[in-house]
Amino acid sequence: MDYLKEVGPDTMIPCFSVNLKGNKNVEKCNEINLALFQDLAHTSSEQTAHRIPMIVTSSSLVPHKHSAAVKNFKERLGVSGSRCTELCIYSPTVNENFLQQ
């Protein structure tokens, strides 16, 4: 948390996806990321912001015929699949808005 106080909370908004070593199936990769998102997201009154001090959002990267970005991201994750298959990603950000004060 000392690092976040130094750099400020708005600088920590990475967008990423995870995969298991050796998994080449994009659908399995998406399942893993959805499970992680559901565990980290604040979706009920039973889960509070005190448990996990960040806000997590989820999205999908959709392949486009004029861009190789999703294809390249899939290759970096080590997954393959249909050219049309979306890739689940998530983006956490710090929930301590006034952390640096």
PDB file of N, CA and C in Angstrom:
ATOM      1  N   MET A   1       0.810  -1.192   0.000  1.00  0.00           N
ATOM      2  CA  MET A   1       0.000   0.000   0.000  1.00  0.00           C
ATOM      3  C   MET A   1       0.856   1.261   0.000  1.00  0.00           C
ATOM      4  N   ASP A   2       2.087   1.179   0.488  1.00  0.00           N
ATOM      5  CA  ASP A   2       2.966   2.348   0.474  1.00  0.00           C
ATOM      6  C   ASP A   2       3.227   2.808  -0.961  1.00  0.00           C
ATOM      7  N   TYR A   3       3.387   1.827  -1.867  1.00  0.00           N
ATOM      8  CA  TYR A   3       3.625   2.172  -3.263  1.00  0.00           C
ATOM      9  C   TYR A   3       2.443   2.946  -3.834  1.00  0.00           C
ATOM     10  N   LEU A   4       1.210   2.501  -3.516  1.00  0.00           N
ATOM     11  CA  LEU A   4       0.024   3.181  -4.024  1.00  0.00           C
ATOM     12  C   LEU A   4      -0.081   4.598  -3.478  1.00  0.00           C
ATOM     13  N   LYS A   5       0.337   4.798  -2.247  1.00  0.00           N
ATOM     14  CA  LYS A   5       0.345   6.143  -1.681  1.00  0.00           C
ATOM     15  C   LYS A   5       1.295   7.040  -2.461  1.00  0.00           C
ATOM     16  N   GLU A   6       2.402   6.444  -2.927  1.00  0.00           N
ATOM     17  CA  GLU A   6       3.404   7.218  -3.649  1.00  0.00           C
ATOM     18  C   GLU A   6       2.954   7.574  -5.063  1.00  0.00           C
ATOM     19  N   VAL A   7       2.399   6.618  -5.797  1.00  0.00           N
ATOM     20  CA  VAL A   7       2.057   6.853  -7.203  1.00  0.00           C
ATOM     21  C   VAL A   7       0.632   7.334  -7.407  1.00  0.00           C
ATOM     22  N   GLY A   8      -0.233   7.122  -6.430  1.00  0.00           N
ATOM     23  CA  GLY A   8      -1.632   7.533  -6.564  1.00  0.00           C
ATOM     24  C   GLY A   8      -2.476   6.416  -7.140  1.00  0.00           C
ATOM     25  N   PRO A   9      -3.736   6.339  -6.758  1.00  0.00           N
ATOM     26  CA  PRO A   9      -4.588   5.226  -7.156  1.00  0.00           C
ATOM     27  C   PRO A   9      -4.972   5.206  -8.628  1.00  0.00           C
ATOM     28  N   ASP A  10      -4.999   6.354  -9.293  1.00  0.00           N
ATOM     29  CA  ASP A  10      -5.438   6.380 -10.683  1.00  0.00           C
ATOM     30  C   ASP A  10      -4.421   5.792 -11.651  1.00  0.00           C
ATOM     31  N   THR A  11      -3.188   5.619 -11.218  1.00  0.00           N
ATOM     32  CA  THR A  11      -2.176   5.062 -12.107  1.00  0.00           C
ATOM     33  C   THR A  11      -2.220   3.543 -12.148  1.00  0.00           C
ATOM     34  N   MET A  12      -2.991   2.938 -11.294  1.00  0.00           N
ATOM     35  CA  MET A  12      -3.024   1.483 -11.185  1.00  0.00           C
ATOM     36  C   MET A  12      -4.293   0.902 -11.806  1.00  0.00           C
ATOM     37  N   ILE A  13      -4.451   1.054 -13.120  1.00  0.00           N
ATOM     38  CA  ILE A  13      -5.612   0.495 -13.797  1.00  0.00           C
ATOM     39  C   ILE A  13      -5.131  -0.392 -14.952  1.00  0.00           C
ATOM     40  N   PRO A  14      -4.535  -1.540 -14.637  1.00  0.00           N
ATOM     41  CA  PRO A  14      -4.092  -2.442 -15.700  1.00  0.00           C
ATOM     42  C   PRO A  14      -5.272  -3.243 -16.247  1.00  0.00           C
ATOM     43  N   CYS A  15      -5.135  -3.701 -17.450  1.00  0.00           N
ATOM     44  CA  CYS A  15      -6.143  -4.546 -18.069  1.00  0.00           C
ATOM     45  C   CYS A  15      -5.448  -5.862 -18.401  1.00  0.00           C
ATOM     46  N   PHE A  16      -5.953  -6.979 -17.875  1.00  0.00           N
ATOM     47  CA  PHE A  16      -5.237  -8.225 -18.112  1.00  0.00           C
ATOM     48  C   PHE A  16      -6.157  -9.437 -18.082  1.00  0.00           C
ATOM     49  N   SER A  17      -5.573 -10.558 -18.439  1.00  0.00           N
ATOM     50  CA  SER A  17      -6.231 -11.850 -18.458  1.00  0.00           C
ATOM     51  C   SER A  17      -5.198 -12.864 -17.970  1.00  0.00           C
ATOM     52  N   VAL A  18      -5.651 -13.954 -17.370  1.00  0.00           N
ATOM     53  CA  VAL A  18      -4.726 -14.982 -16.905  1.00  0.00           C
ATOM     54  C   VAL A  18      -5.065 -16.320 -17.544  1.00  0.00           C
ATOM     55  N   ASN A  19      -4.103 -17.206 -17.528  1.00  0.00           N
ATOM     56  CA  ASN A  19      -4.289 -18.532 -18.095  1.00  0.00           C
ATOM     57  C   ASN A  19      -3.457 -19.524 -17.283  1.00  0.00           C
ATOM     58  N   LEU A  20      -3.889 -20.765 -17.261  1.00  0.00           N
ATOM     59  CA  LEU A  20      -3.122 -21.823 -16.608  1.00  0.00           C
ATOM     60  C   LEU A  20      -2.003 -22.277 -17.528  1.00  0.00           C
ATOM     61  N   LYS A  21      -0.864 -22.564 -16.947  1.00  0.00           N
ATOM     62  CA  LYS A  21       0.269 -23.048 -17.737  1.00  0.00           C
ATOM     63  C   LYS A  21      -0.132 -24.324 -18.462  1.00  0.00           C
ATOM     64  N   GLY A  22       0.107 -24.361 -19.749  1.00  0.00           N
ATOM     65  CA  GLY A  22      -0.197 -25.539 -20.551  1.00  0.00           C
ATOM     66  C   GLY A  22      -1.592 -25.533 -21.163  1.00  0.00           C
ATOM     67  N   ASN A  23      -2.487 -24.644 -20.723  1.00  0.00           N
ATOM     68  CA  ASN A  23      -3.832 -24.583 -21.306  1.00  0.00           C
ATOM     69  C   ASN A  23      -3.779 -23.848 -22.634  1.00  0.00           C
ATOM     70  N   LYS A  24      -4.329 -24.478 -23.669  1.00  0.00           N
ATOM     71  CA  LYS A  24      -4.361 -23.863 -24.988  1.00  0.00           C
ATOM     72  C   LYS A  24      -5.785 -23.543 -25.434  1.00  0.00           C
ATOM     73  N   ASN A  25      -6.756 -23.851 -24.586  1.00  0.00           N
ATOM     74  CA  ASN A  25      -8.165 -23.675 -24.934  1.00  0.00           C
ATOM     75  C   ASN A  25      -8.654 -22.298 -24.486  1.00  0.00           C
ATOM     76  N   VAL A  26      -9.077 -21.467 -25.441  1.00  0.00           N
ATOM     77  CA  VAL A  26      -9.511 -20.106 -25.121  1.00  0.00           C
ATOM     78  C   VAL A  26     -10.781 -20.102 -24.272  1.00  0.00           C
ATOM     79  N   GLU A  27     -11.675 -21.072 -24.484  1.00  0.00           N
ATOM     80  CA  GLU A  27     -12.896 -21.134 -23.681  1.00  0.00           C
ATOM     81  C   GLU A  27     -12.572 -21.426 -22.213  1.00  0.00           C
ATOM     82  N   LYS A  28     -11.615 -22.327 -21.974  1.00  0.00           N
ATOM     83  CA  LYS A  28     -11.180 -22.629 -20.603  1.00  0.00           C
ATOM     84  C   LYS A  28     -10.529 -21.391 -19.972  1.00  0.00           C
ATOM     85  N   CYS A  29      -9.727 -20.686 -20.743  1.00  0.00           N
ATOM     86  CA  CYS A  29      -9.107 -19.451 -20.272  1.00  0.00           C
ATOM     87  C   CYS A  29     -10.186 -18.447 -19.868  1.00  0.00           C
ATOM     88  N   ASN A  30     -11.226 -18.315 -20.677  1.00  0.00           N
ATOM     89  CA  ASN A  30     -12.331 -17.409 -20.354  1.00  0.00           C
ATOM     90  C   ASN A  30     -13.055 -17.843 -19.079  1.00  0.00           C
ATOM     91  N   GLU A  31     -13.237 -19.150 -18.898  1.00  0.00           N
ATOM     92  CA  GLU A  31     -13.871 -19.661 -17.676  1.00  0.00           C
ATOM     93  C   GLU A  31     -13.044 -19.305 -16.443  1.00  0.00           C
ATOM     94  N   ILE A  32     -11.737 -19.443 -16.538  1.00  0.00           N
ATOM     95  CA  ILE A  32     -10.833 -19.121 -15.429  1.00  0.00           C
ATOM     96  C   ILE A  32     -10.955 -17.642 -15.073  1.00  0.00           C
ATOM     97  N   ASN A  33     -10.935 -16.793 -16.097  1.00  0.00           N
ATOM     98  CA  ASN A  33     -11.020 -15.355 -15.855  1.00  0.00           C
ATOM     99  C   ASN A  33     -12.377 -14.945 -15.311  1.00  0.00           C
ATOM    100  N   LEU A  34     -13.438 -15.583 -15.759  1.00  0.00           N
ATOM    101  CA  LEU A  34     -14.767 -15.291 -15.219  1.00  0.00           C
ATOM    102  C   LEU A  34     -14.847 -15.696 -13.748  1.00  0.00           C
ATOM    103  N   ALA A  35     -14.262 -16.846 -13.401  1.00  0.00           N
ATOM    104  CA  ALA A  35     -14.261 -17.301 -12.004  1.00  0.00           C
ATOM    105  C   ALA A  35     -13.476 -16.330 -11.117  1.00  0.00           C
ATOM    106  N   LEU A  36     -12.318 -15.871 -11.597  1.00  0.00           N
ATOM    107  CA  LEU A  36     -11.536 -14.894 -10.845  1.00  0.00           C
ATOM    108  C   LEU A  36     -12.313 -13.596 -10.667  1.00  0.00           C
ATOM    109  N   PHE A  37     -12.949 -13.143 -11.732  1.00  0.00           N
ATOM    110  CA  PHE A  37     -13.728 -11.910 -11.658  1.00  0.00           C
ATOM    111  C   PHE A  37     -14.861 -12.047 -10.644  1.00  0.00           C
ATOM    112  N   GLN A  38     -15.589 -13.161 -10.695  1.00  0.00           N
ATOM    113  CA  GLN A  38     -16.701 -13.351  -9.775  1.00  0.00           C
ATOM    114  C   GLN A  38     -16.238 -13.408  -8.326  1.00  0.00           C
ATOM    115  N   ASP A  39     -15.045 -13.929  -8.090  1.00  0.00           N
ATOM    116  CA  ASP A  39     -14.525 -13.982  -6.732  1.00  0.00           C
ATOM    117  C   ASP A  39     -14.084 -12.606  -6.236  1.00  0.00           C
ATOM    118  N   LEU A  40     -13.583 -11.770  -7.137  1.00  0.00           N
ATOM    119  CA  LEU A  40     -13.058 -10.460  -6.752  1.00  0.00           C
ATOM    120  C   LEU A  40     -14.098  -9.341  -6.790  1.00  0.00           C
ATOM    121  N   ALA A  41     -15.184  -9.546  -7.542  1.00  0.00           N
ATOM    122  CA  ALA A  41     -16.169  -8.480  -7.712  1.00  0.00           C
ATOM    123  C   ALA A  41     -17.026  -8.302  -6.463  1.00  0.00           C
ATOM    124  N   HIS A  42     -17.443  -7.076  -6.222  1.00  0.00           N
ATOM    125  CA  HIS A  42     -18.352  -6.756  -5.118  1.00  0.00           C
ATOM    126  C   HIS A  42     -19.771  -6.838  -5.665  1.00  0.00           C
ATOM    127  N   THR A  43     -20.373  -8.001  -5.543  1.00  0.00           N
ATOM    128  CA  THR A  43     -21.689  -8.196  -6.154  1.00  0.00           C
ATOM    129  C   THR A  43     -22.805  -8.388  -5.153  1.00  0.00           C
ATOM    130  N   SER A  44     -22.498  -8.456  -3.884  1.00  0.00           N
ATOM    131  CA  SER A  44     -23.556  -8.618  -2.892  1.00  0.00           C
ATOM    132  C   SER A  44     -23.190  -7.858  -1.631  1.00  0.00           C
ATOM    133  N   SER A  45     -24.159  -7.707  -0.762  1.00  0.00           N
ATOM    134  CA  SER A  45     -23.912  -6.992   0.490  1.00  0.00           C
ATOM    135  C   SER A  45     -23.031  -7.809   1.428  1.00  0.00           C
ATOM    136  N   GLU A  46     -22.888  -9.111   1.155  1.00  0.00           N
ATOM    137  CA  GLU A  46     -22.041  -9.959   1.992  1.00  0.00           C
ATOM    138  C   GLU A  46     -20.560  -9.729   1.714  1.00  0.00           C
ATOM    139  N   GLN A  47     -20.245  -9.266   0.510  1.00  0.00           N
ATOM    140  CA  GLN A  47     -18.862  -8.967   0.164  1.00  0.00           C
ATOM    141  C   GLN A  47     -18.683  -7.461   0.264  1.00  0.00           C
ATOM    142  N   THR A  48     -17.790  -7.022   1.083  1.00  0.00           N
ATOM    143  CA  THR A  48     -17.599  -5.587   1.251  1.00  0.00           C
ATOM    144  C   THR A  48     -16.294  -5.136   0.648  1.00  0.00           C
ATOM    145  N   ALA A  49     -16.180  -3.856   0.488  1.00  0.00           N
ATOM    146  CA  ALA A  49     -14.955  -3.276  -0.045  1.00  0.00           C
ATOM    147  C   ALA A  49     -13.798  -3.431   0.933  1.00  0.00           C
ATOM    148  N   HIS A  50     -14.100  -3.775   2.177  1.00  0.00           N
ATOM    149  CA  HIS A  50     -13.035  -3.991   3.153  1.00  0.00           C
ATOM    150  C   HIS A  50     -12.322  -5.321   2.910  1.00  0.00           C
ATOM    151  N   ARG A  51     -13.015  -6.280   2.298  1.00  0.00           N
ATOM    152  CA  ARG A  51     -12.408  -7.584   2.022  1.00  0.00           C
ATOM    153  C   ARG A  51     -11.354  -7.474   0.932  1.00  0.00           C
ATOM    154  N   ILE A  52     -11.675  -6.782  -0.126  1.00  0.00           N
ATOM    155  CA  ILE A  52     -10.756  -6.603  -1.244  1.00  0.00           C
ATOM    156  C   ILE A  52     -10.717  -5.114  -1.560  1.00  0.00           C
ATOM    157  N   PRO A  53      -9.614  -4.423  -1.289  1.00  0.00           N
ATOM    158  CA  PRO A  53      -9.572  -2.964  -1.460  1.00  0.00           C
ATOM    159  C   PRO A  53      -9.375  -2.513  -2.908  1.00  0.00           C
ATOM    160  N   MET A  54     -10.167  -3.055  -3.832  1.00  0.00           N
ATOM    161  CA  MET A  54     -10.093  -2.625  -5.223  1.00  0.00           C
ATOM    162  C   MET A  54     -11.435  -2.856  -5.892  1.00  0.00           C
ATOM    163  N   ILE A  55     -11.643  -2.162  -6.981  1.00  0.00           N
ATOM    164  CA  ILE A  55     -12.838  -2.324  -7.801  1.00  0.00           C
ATOM    165  C   ILE A  55     -12.398  -3.091  -9.041  1.00  0.00           C
ATOM    166  N   VAL A  56     -13.143  -4.128  -9.405  1.00  0.00           N
ATOM    167  CA  VAL A  56     -12.785  -4.951 -10.553  1.00  0.00           C
ATOM    168  C   VAL A  56     -13.900  -4.881 -11.587  1.00  0.00           C
ATOM    169  N   THR A  57     -13.543  -4.598 -12.822  1.00  0.00           N
ATOM    170  CA  THR A  57     -14.513  -4.622 -13.915  1.00  0.00           C
ATOM    171  C   THR A  57     -14.081  -5.683 -14.917  1.00  0.00           C
ATOM    172  N   SER A  58     -15.040  -6.178 -15.655  1.00  0.00           N
ATOM    173  CA  SER A  58     -14.767  -7.227 -16.632  1.00  0.00           C
ATOM    174  C   SER A  58     -15.238  -6.779 -18.006  1.00  0.00           C
ATOM    175  N   SER A  59     -14.557  -7.258 -19.030  1.00  0.00           N
ATOM    176  CA  SER A  59     -14.930  -6.933 -20.396  1.00  0.00           C
ATOM    177  C   SER A  59     -14.444  -8.060 -21.305  1.00  0.00           C
ATOM    178  N   SER A  60     -14.661  -7.906 -22.580  1.00  0.00           N
ATOM    179  CA  SER A  60     -14.185  -8.884 -23.560  1.00  0.00           C
ATOM    180  C   SER A  60     -13.500  -8.168 -24.703  1.00  0.00           C
ATOM    181  N   LEU A  61     -12.449  -8.783 -25.193  1.00  0.00           N
ATOM    182  CA  LEU A  61     -11.804  -8.300 -26.407  1.00  0.00           C
ATOM    183  C   LEU A  61     -12.410  -9.083 -27.567  1.00  0.00           C
ATOM    184  N   VAL A  62     -12.971  -8.374 -28.521  1.00  0.00           N
ATOM    185  CA  VAL A  62     -13.641  -9.005 -29.655  1.00  0.00           C
ATOM    186  C   VAL A  62     -12.726  -8.902 -30.878  1.00  0.00           C
ATOM    187  N   PRO A  63     -12.444 -10.041 -31.509  1.00  0.00           N
ATOM    188  CA  PRO A  63     -11.597  -9.997 -32.705  1.00  0.00           C
ATOM    189  C   PRO A  63     -12.224  -9.143 -33.805  1.00  0.00           C
ATOM    190  N   HIS A  64     -11.396  -8.416 -34.519  1.00  0.00           N
ATOM    191  CA  HIS A  64     -11.854  -7.587 -35.632  1.00  0.00           C
ATOM    192  C   HIS A  64     -11.014  -7.930 -36.849  1.00  0.00           C
ATOM    193  N   LYS A  65     -11.648  -7.984 -37.996  1.00  0.00           N
ATOM    194  CA  LYS A  65     -10.942  -8.428 -39.197  1.00  0.00           C
ATOM    195  C   LYS A  65      -9.797  -7.510 -39.609  1.00  0.00           C
ATOM    196  N   HIS A  66      -9.792  -6.260 -39.146  1.00  0.00           N
ATOM    197  CA  HIS A  66      -8.733  -5.326 -39.524  1.00  0.00           C
ATOM    198  C   HIS A  66      -7.682  -5.135 -38.433  1.00  0.00           C
ATOM    199  N   SER A  67      -7.736  -5.964 -37.397  1.00  0.00           N
ATOM    200  CA  SER A  67      -6.778  -5.815 -36.305  1.00  0.00           C
ATOM    201  C   SER A  67      -6.297  -7.181 -35.820  1.00  0.00           C
ATOM    202  N   ALA A  68      -5.030  -7.252 -35.480  1.00  0.00           N
ATOM    203  CA  ALA A  68      -4.459  -8.492 -34.953  1.00  0.00           C
ATOM    204  C   ALA A  68      -4.281  -8.431 -33.442  1.00  0.00           C
ATOM    205  N   ALA A  69      -4.842  -7.409 -32.780  1.00  0.00           N
ATOM    206  CA  ALA A  69      -4.621  -7.216 -31.341  1.00  0.00           C
ATOM    207  C   ALA A  69      -5.103  -8.410 -30.516  1.00  0.00           C
ATOM    208  N   VAL A  70      -6.318  -8.889 -30.760  1.00  0.00           N
ATOM    209  CA  VAL A  70      -6.853 -10.009 -29.977  1.00  0.00           C
ATOM    210  C   VAL A  70      -6.072 -11.282 -30.283  1.00  0.00           C
ATOM    211  N   LYS A  71      -5.758 -11.490 -31.552  1.00  0.00           N
ATOM    212  CA  LYS A  71      -4.965 -12.660 -31.948  1.00  0.00           C
ATOM    213  C   LYS A  71      -3.610 -12.637 -31.238  1.00  0.00           C
ATOM    214  N   ASN A  72      -2.965 -11.485 -31.191  1.00  0.00           N
ATOM    215  CA  ASN A  72      -1.662 -11.366 -30.530  1.00  0.00           C
ATOM    216  C   ASN A  72      -1.778 -11.581 -29.023  1.00  0.00           C
ATOM    217  N   PHE A  73      -2.835 -11.055 -28.419  1.00  0.00           N
ATOM    218  CA  PHE A  73      -3.051 -11.240 -26.981  1.00  0.00           C
ATOM    219  C   PHE A  73      -3.264 -12.720 -26.678  1.00  0.00           C
ATOM    220  N   LYS A  74      -4.049 -13.410 -27.502  1.00  0.00           N
ATOM    221  CA  LYS A  74      -4.270 -14.846 -27.318  1.00  0.00           C
ATOM    222  C   LYS A  74      -2.949 -15.617 -27.421  1.00  0.00           C
ATOM    223  N   GLU A  75      -2.122 -15.246 -28.375  1.00  0.00           N
ATOM    224  CA  GLU A  75      -0.828 -15.913 -28.533  1.00  0.00           C
ATOM    225  C   GLU A  75       0.038 -15.710 -27.293  1.00  0.00           C
ATOM    226  N   ARG A  76       0.038 -14.493 -26.737  1.00  0.00           N
ATOM    227  CA  ARG A  76       0.822 -14.227 -25.528  1.00  0.00           C
ATOM    228  C   ARG A  76       0.309 -15.027 -24.341  1.00  0.00           C
ATOM    229  N   LEU A  77      -1.006 -15.286 -24.304  1.00  0.00           N
ATOM    230  CA  LEU A  77      -1.575 -16.116 -23.235  1.00  0.00           C
ATOM    231  C   LEU A  77      -1.351 -17.602 -23.484  1.00  0.00           C
ATOM    232  N   GLY A  78      -1.020 -17.956 -24.726  1.00  0.00           N
ATOM    233  CA  GLY A  78      -0.791 -19.356 -25.058  1.00  0.00           C
ATOM    234  C   GLY A  78      -2.057 -20.106 -25.412  1.00  0.00           C
ATOM    235  N   VAL A  79      -3.104 -19.379 -25.814  1.00  0.00           N
ATOM    236  CA  VAL A  79      -4.360 -20.040 -26.169  1.00  0.00           C
ATOM    237  C   VAL A  79      -4.621 -19.916 -27.660  1.00  0.00           C
ATOM    238  N   SER A  80      -5.422 -20.835 -28.143  1.00  0.00           N
ATOM    239  CA  SER A  80      -5.843 -20.785 -29.537  1.00  0.00           C
ATOM    240  C   SER A  80      -7.324 -21.126 -29.568  1.00  0.00           C
ATOM    241  N   GLY A  81      -7.905 -20.957 -30.687  1.00  0.00           N
ATOM    242  CA  GLY A  81      -9.330 -21.235 -30.831  1.00  0.00           C
ATOM    243  C   GLY A  81      -9.823 -20.558 -32.085  1.00  0.00           C
ATOM    244  N   SER A  82     -11.100 -20.494 -32.210  1.00  0.00           N
ATOM    245  CA  SER A  82     -11.715 -19.869 -33.358  1.00  0.00           C
ATOM    246  C   SER A  82     -11.263 -18.413 -33.481  1.00  0.00           C
ATOM    247  N   ARG A  83     -11.092 -17.965 -34.701  1.00  0.00           N
ATOM    248  CA  ARG A  83     -10.723 -16.565 -34.931  1.00  0.00           C
ATOM    249  C   ARG A  83     -11.771 -15.616 -34.370  1.00  0.00           C
ATOM    250  N   CYS A  84     -13.008 -16.094 -34.224  1.00  0.00           N
ATOM    251  CA  CYS A  84     -14.113 -15.244 -33.785  1.00  0.00           C
ATOM    252  C   CYS A  84     -14.306 -15.245 -32.271  1.00  0.00           C
ATOM    253  N   THR A  85     -13.587 -16.090 -31.544  1.00  0.00           N
ATOM    254  CA  THR A  85     -13.802 -16.224 -30.105  1.00  0.00           C
ATOM    255  C   THR A  85     -13.302 -14.997 -29.352  1.00  0.00           C
ATOM    256  N   GLU A  86     -14.187 -14.439 -28.507  1.00  0.00           N
ATOM    257  CA  GLU A  86     -13.812 -13.298 -27.665  1.00  0.00           C
ATOM    258  C   GLU A  86     -12.868 -13.766 -26.567  1.00  0.00           C
ATOM    259  N   LEU A  87     -12.146 -12.825 -25.981  1.00  0.00           N
ATOM    260  CA  LEU A  87     -11.238 -13.115 -24.883  1.00  0.00           C
ATOM    261  C   LEU A  87     -11.655 -12.273 -23.686  1.00  0.00           C
ATOM    262  N   CYS A  88     -11.939 -12.934 -22.566  1.00  0.00           N
ATOM    263  CA  CYS A  88     -12.335 -12.224 -21.347  1.00  0.00           C
ATOM    264  C   CYS A  88     -11.114 -11.558 -20.716  1.00  0.00           C
ATOM    265  N   ILE A  89     -11.293 -10.320 -20.297  1.00  0.00           N
ATOM    266  CA  ILE A  89     -10.250  -9.581 -19.597  1.00  0.00           C
ATOM    267  C   ILE A  89     -10.864  -8.920 -18.377  1.00  0.00           C
ATOM    268  N   TYR A  90     -10.051  -8.516 -17.449  1.00  0.00           N
ATOM    269  CA  TYR A  90     -10.567  -7.716 -16.355  1.00  0.00           C
ATOM    270  C   TYR A  90      -9.576  -6.649 -15.963  1.00  0.00           C
ATOM    271  N   SER A  91     -10.113  -5.653 -15.280  1.00  0.00           N
ATOM    272  CA  SER A  91      -9.330  -4.479 -14.939  1.00  0.00           C
ATOM    273  C   SER A  91      -9.601  -4.072 -13.499  1.00  0.00           C
ATOM    274  N   PRO A  92      -8.612  -4.229 -12.627  1.00  0.00           N
ATOM    275  CA  PRO A  92      -8.803  -3.796 -11.238  1.00  0.00           C
ATOM    276  C   PRO A  92      -8.300  -2.361 -11.043  1.00  0.00           C
ATOM    277  N   THR A  93      -8.905  -1.656 -10.141  1.00  0.00           N
ATOM    278  CA  THR A  93      -8.416  -0.345  -9.753  1.00  0.00           C
ATOM    279  C   THR A  93      -8.553  -0.205  -8.242  1.00  0.00           C
ATOM    280  N   VAL A  94      -7.733   0.596  -7.650  1.00  0.00           N
ATOM    281  CA  VAL A  94      -7.698   0.752  -6.203  1.00  0.00           C
ATOM    282  C   VAL A  94      -8.998   1.372  -5.706  1.00  0.00           C
ATOM    283  N   ASN A  95      -9.510   0.859  -4.599  1.00  0.00           N
ATOM    284  CA  ASN A  95     -10.750   1.354  -4.026  1.00  0.00           C
ATOM    285  C   ASN A  95     -10.511   2.427  -2.969  1.00  0.00           C
ATOM    286  N   GLU A  96      -9.276   2.751  -2.724  1.00  0.00           N
ATOM    287  CA  GLU A  96      -8.930   3.763  -1.721  1.00  0.00           C
ATOM    288  C   GLU A  96      -8.719   5.094  -2.430  1.00  0.00           C
ATOM    289  N   ASN A  97      -9.790   5.814  -2.698  1.00  0.00           N
ATOM    290  CA  ASN A  97      -9.719   7.051  -3.481  1.00  0.00           C
ATOM    291  C   ASN A  97      -8.808   8.106  -2.865  1.00  0.00           C
ATOM    292  N   PHE A  98      -8.733   8.163  -1.542  1.00  0.00           N
ATOM    293  CA  PHE A  98      -7.956   9.188  -0.880  1.00  0.00           C
ATOM    294  C   PHE A  98      -6.746   8.590  -0.171  1.00  0.00           C
ATOM    295  N   LEU A  99      -6.202   7.533  -0.759  1.00  0.00           N
ATOM    296  CA  LEU A  99      -5.097   6.801  -0.162  1.00  0.00           C
ATOM    297  C   LEU A  99      -3.861   7.671   0.021  1.00  0.00           C
ATOM    298  N   GLN A 100      -3.632   8.590  -0.902  1.00  0.00           N
ATOM    299  CA  GLN A 100      -2.408   9.364  -0.827  1.00  0.00           C
ATOM    300  C   GLN A 100      -2.470  10.536   0.136  1.00  0.00           C
ATOM    301  N   GLN A 101      -3.586  10.762   0.767  1.00  0.00           N
ATOM    302  CA  GLN A 101      -3.691  11.885   1.721  1.00  0.00           C
ATOM    303  C   GLN A 101      -3.289  11.481   3.105  1.00  0.00           C
TER     304      GLN A 101
END
